[in-house]
Protein backbone atom coordinates (compact mmCIF):
# COMPACT_ATOMS: atom_id res chain seq x y z
CA MET A 1 0.09 0.30 -0.06
CA ILE A 2 0.97 3.32 -0.76
CA VAL A 3 -0.38 6.86 0.22
CA ALA A 4 0.05 10.15 -0.75
CA GLU A 5 -0.73 14.06 0.20
CA ALA A 6 -2.37 15.61 -3.17
CA GLY A 7 -3.09 18.76 -1.94
CA GLY A 8 -6.43 20.30 -1.48
CA GLY A 9 -7.68 17.91 1.93
CA LEU A 10 -7.82 15.16 -0.55
CA VAL A 11 -5.43 11.50 0.40
CA VAL A 12 -4.64 8.96 -1.77
CA ILE A 13 -4.28 5.39 -1.36
CA GLY A 14 -2.90 3.04 -3.67
CA ALA A 15 -3.30 -0.82 -2.21
CA VAL A 16 -2.73 -3.26 -4.83
CA ARG A 17 -5.51 -5.35 -6.55
CA GLY A 18 -6.48 -9.08 -4.51
CA HIS A 19 -3.78 -8.51 -2.09
CA VAL A 20 -5.25 -8.95 1.57
CA ALA A 21 -2.50 -7.95 3.45
CA ASP A 22 -3.24 -4.63 2.59
CA VAL A 23 -6.36 -4.53 4.31
CA ALA A 24 -5.57 -3.77 7.95
CA PRO A 25 -2.57 -0.78 7.15
CA LEU A 26 -5.80 0.73 4.23
CA LEU A 27 -8.56 0.75 7.53
CA GLU A 28 -5.97 2.24 9.86
CA ARG A 29 -4.86 5.35 7.43
CA LEU A 30 -8.75 5.90 6.82
CA GLU A 31 -9.77 6.10 10.41
CA ALA A 32 -6.58 8.69 10.77
CA ILE A 33 -8.31 10.51 8.03
CA ARG A 34 -12.10 10.59 9.16
CA PRO A 35 -12.82 11.53 5.73
CA ARG A 36 -15.86 13.49 4.80
CA SER A 37 -16.32 11.62 1.35
CA VAL A 38 -14.81 9.17 -0.47
CA GLY A 39 -13.67 8.76 -3.74
CA ILE A 40 -12.66 4.84 -5.10
CA GLY A 41 -11.38 3.76 -8.18
CA LEU A 42 -14.57 1.87 -9.48
CA SER A 43 -17.46 2.38 -11.84
CA PHE A 44 -20.84 2.98 -10.18
CA ASP A 45 -22.32 0.07 -10.97
CA GLU A 46 -18.79 -2.22 -10.12
CA MET A 47 -18.90 -0.68 -6.69
CA THR A 48 -23.01 -1.30 -7.21
CA GLY A 49 -21.97 -4.69 -7.10
CA LEU A 50 -19.63 -5.08 -4.29
CA VAL A 51 -21.72 -3.20 -1.86
CA ASP A 52 -24.65 -5.35 -3.06
CA HIS A 53 -22.89 -9.22 -2.43
CA PHE A 54 -20.39 -8.26 -0.82
CA VAL A 55 -19.73 -5.98 1.99
CA GLY A 56 -21.12 -6.98 5.13
CA ARG A 57 -22.37 -10.87 3.79
CA PRO A 58 -22.03 -13.57 5.57
CA PHE A 59 -21.72 -15.32 2.55
CA GLU A 60 -20.21 -14.07 -0.73
CA PRO A 61 -20.89 -15.51 -4.71
CA LEU A 62 -18.46 -17.41 -6.75
CA VAL A 63 -16.65 -14.76 -8.61
CA PRO A 64 -15.41 -15.66 -12.41
CA LEU A 65 -12.05 -14.75 -13.42
CA THR A 66 -10.31 -14.87 -16.56
CA ALA A 67 -7.82 -15.97 -17.64
CA HIS A 68 -5.71 -13.24 -17.17
CA GLU A 69 -7.44 -12.91 -13.58
CA THR A 70 -6.41 -15.99 -12.55
CA ALA A 71 -2.72 -15.52 -14.09
CA GLU A 72 -2.94 -12.40 -12.20
CA LEU A 73 -3.00 -14.05 -9.05
CA VAL A 74 -1.28 -16.73 -9.00
CA GLY A 75 2.08 -14.33 -9.55
CA LEU A 76 0.18 -12.12 -6.04
CA VAL A 77 0.33 -15.35 -3.84
CA ARG A 78 4.60 -15.38 -4.15
CA TYR A 79 3.51 -12.22 -1.51
CA GLY A 80 0.58 -13.51 0.56
CA GLU A 81 -2.33 -13.77 0.69
CA ALA A 82 -4.96 -12.57 -2.33
CA ARG A 83 -8.80 -13.03 -2.48
CA VAL A 84 -10.92 -11.82 -4.61
CA PRO A 85 -13.19 -8.98 -5.63
CA HIS A 86 -10.65 -6.36 -5.18
CA PRO A 87 -10.53 -7.04 -0.58
CA ALA A 88 -9.21 -3.08 -0.12
CA TYR A 89 -12.23 -2.16 -2.43
CA VAL A 90 -14.76 -3.81 -0.13
CA ALA A 91 -13.08 -3.26 3.28
CA ALA A 92 -13.51 0.54 2.75
CA LEU A 93 -17.01 0.67 1.47
CA GLY A 94 -17.34 -1.47 4.17
CA TRP A 95 -16.01 1.00 7.11
CA ALA A 96 -17.06 4.08 4.99
CA ARG A 97 -21.33 2.14 5.01
CA GLU A 98 -20.87 1.83 9.17
CA ARG A 99 -20.01 5.73 9.17
CA SER A 100 -22.74 6.31 7.01
CA ILE A 101 -20.03 8.43 5.28
CA PRO A 102 -21.01 8.40 1.53
CA VAL A 103 -19.00 6.98 -1.28
CA GLU A 104 -18.28 8.24 -4.96
CA ALA A 105 -17.74 5.55 -7.85
CA LEU A 106 -15.27 7.73 -9.48
CA GLU A 107 -13.88 5.31 -12.68
CA PRO A 108 -15.18 5.73 -15.76
CA ASN A 109 -19.38 4.14 -16.38
CA ASP A 110 -19.34 1.25 -18.96
CA ASP A 111 -20.51 3.68 -22.12
CA GLN A 112 -17.67 6.38 -21.30
CA TYR A 113 -15.26 3.55 -20.29
CA ALA A 114 -15.97 1.49 -24.46
CA ASP A 115 -15.67 5.25 -25.94
CA LEU A 116 -12.02 5.25 -24.82
CA PHE A 117 -10.57 2.71 -25.19
CA THR A 118 -12.50 3.15 -28.56
CA ARG A 119 -10.43 6.43 -28.86
CA HIS A 120 -7.27 5.48 -27.91
CA ILE A 121 -6.84 1.46 -28.51
CA SER A 122 -6.33 0.52 -32.88
CA TYR A 123 -6.66 -2.67 -33.30
CA LEU A 124 -3.28 -3.07 -33.78
CA GLU A 125 -2.90 -2.74 -29.61
CA LEU A 126 -5.82 -4.42 -29.23
CA VAL A 127 -4.18 -7.08 -31.23
CA ARG A 128 -0.79 -6.71 -28.80
CA ARG A 129 -2.50 -6.61 -25.72
CA THR A 130 -3.68 -9.57 -26.09
CA LEU A 131 -0.23 -11.14 -27.04
CA ARG A 132 0.98 -9.38 -23.85
CA GLU A 133 -1.88 -10.18 -21.55
CA ARG A 134 -1.29 -14.68 -22.92
CA ARG A 135 3.12 -13.91 -22.02
CA LEU A 136 1.46 -12.57 -19.03
CA ALA A 137 -0.13 -15.56 -18.31
CA ARG A 138 2.01 -18.15 -18.66
CA ARG A 139 5.07 -16.00 -17.14
CA PRO A 140 3.86 -13.84 -14.52
CA PRO A 141 6.73 -10.53 -14.08
CA ALA A 142 9.38 -10.75 -10.94
CA GLY A 143 8.70 -7.71 -8.13
CA ALA A 144 10.35 -6.85 -4.87
CA THR A 145 7.27 -6.78 -2.83
CA ALA A 146 3.54 -7.00 -4.13
CA ASP A 147 3.26 -3.03 -4.51
CA GLU A 148 6.17 -3.69 -7.90
CA TYR A 149 5.04 -6.36 -9.29
CA ALA A 150 1.65 -4.87 -9.68
CA VAL A 151 2.98 -1.81 -11.19
CA THR A 152 5.59 -4.41 -13.24
CA TRP A 153 2.51 -6.45 -14.15
CA ASP A 154 -0.42 -2.87 -15.43
CA ARG A 155 3.93 -1.60 -17.20
CA ALA A 156 4.78 -5.58 -19.24
CA LEU A 157 0.93 -5.39 -20.36
CA GLY A 158 -0.13 -1.39 -21.70
CA PRO A 159 3.59 -0.30 -23.22
CA GLY A 160 2.02 1.00 -25.88
CA ALA A 161 1.23 4.99 -26.93
CA GLY A 162 -2.24 4.38 -26.69
CA SER A 163 -2.77 2.43 -24.01
CA ARG A 164 -0.90 5.08 -21.87
CA ALA A 165 -2.95 7.52 -24.00
CA PHE A 166 -6.16 4.97 -23.04
CA VAL A 167 -5.18 5.03 -19.00
CA ALA A 168 -4.54 8.55 -18.70
CA ALA A 169 -7.86 9.34 -19.80
CA ARG A 170 -9.20 7.50 -16.95
CA GLU A 171 -6.40 8.43 -14.70
CA ALA A 172 -7.78 12.28 -16.09
CA THR A 173 -11.35 11.18 -15.11
CA VAL A 174 -10.77 9.61 -11.79
CA ALA A 175 -8.77 12.88 -10.31
CA ALA A 176 -11.18 15.50 -12.14
CA GLY A 177 -13.54 13.68 -9.71
CA ALA A 178 -11.86 13.23 -6.36
CA ARG A 179 -11.35 17.45 -6.97
CA ARG A 180 -14.90 16.91 -7.49
CA LEU A 181 -15.26 15.17 -4.02
CA ALA A 182 -13.01 17.59 -2.83
CA SER A 183 -14.22 21.43 -3.47
CA ARG A 184 -17.49 20.41 -1.44
CA GLY A 185 -14.47 19.87 2.10
CA GLY A 186 -11.87 17.72 2.94
CA PRO A 187 -11.26 15.93 4.18
CA VAL A 188 -11.13 13.62 1.46
CA ALA A 189 -10.18 9.63 1.29
CA LEU A 190 -9.27 8.33 -2.68
CA VAL A 191 -8.79 4.05 -2.51
CA VAL A 192 -7.52 3.51 -6.35
CA ASP A 193 -5.27 0.53 -7.49
CA ARG A 194 -1.61 0.70 -7.06
CA GLU A 195 -0.34 1.00 -10.45
CA ARG A 196 -3.15 3.76 -10.75
CA PHE A 197 -1.66 5.60 -7.64
CA ASP A 198 1.42 7.73 -9.28
CA GLY A 199 -0.75 8.78 -12.72
CA VAL A 200 -3.75 10.17 -10.40
CA VAL A 201 -1.84 11.62 -7.59
CA ALA A 202 -0.06 13.25 -11.02
CA ALA A 203 -3.13 13.86 -12.84
CA ILE A 204 -4.57 15.23 -9.48
CA ARG A 205 -1.65 18.21 -8.55
CA ALA A 206 -1.76 19.20 -11.97
CA GLY A 207 -5.27 19.58 -12.12
């Protein structure tokens, strides 16, 4: 997990997707921040699905995984227990609900995501991404820590100019949403995937 103050009362927390060890420090940091609102690096539909099916539930439904997601988790277990869906997101949503703190999903919705994807990812880039996914599934990247693993995985998946532009557009959307939350009064905690942390913090500060 990684944390930074991005200005304007915004505290950004980057948690490794699937890494259970990030849950406890995340909750400790949220307790210390005591935010008036929480932003989360999910779309509204994704957040609603987690709240409806996983937050505060004694039994969780089965989560189907793609081969790519399975390979990512197999590599992640080298650094400790791994779970799906994103345990840090589930924990943050549960923490906020118990305290009646509003949470806002800041990732693009499905239509916006599709528009950004088609705008930036050409057919050739899509083929290259598919081939990279298969290589990563066969040979997950190495890393000294779970944080390093998550960042290395993401960089290996999308080194092309189109992929970088696509990611930057998503991060800019999250950053704009976070600034909007902060304008209503802070402090605000923003929880994002570890690999999105650097770009989101930079986009918030640039804005």
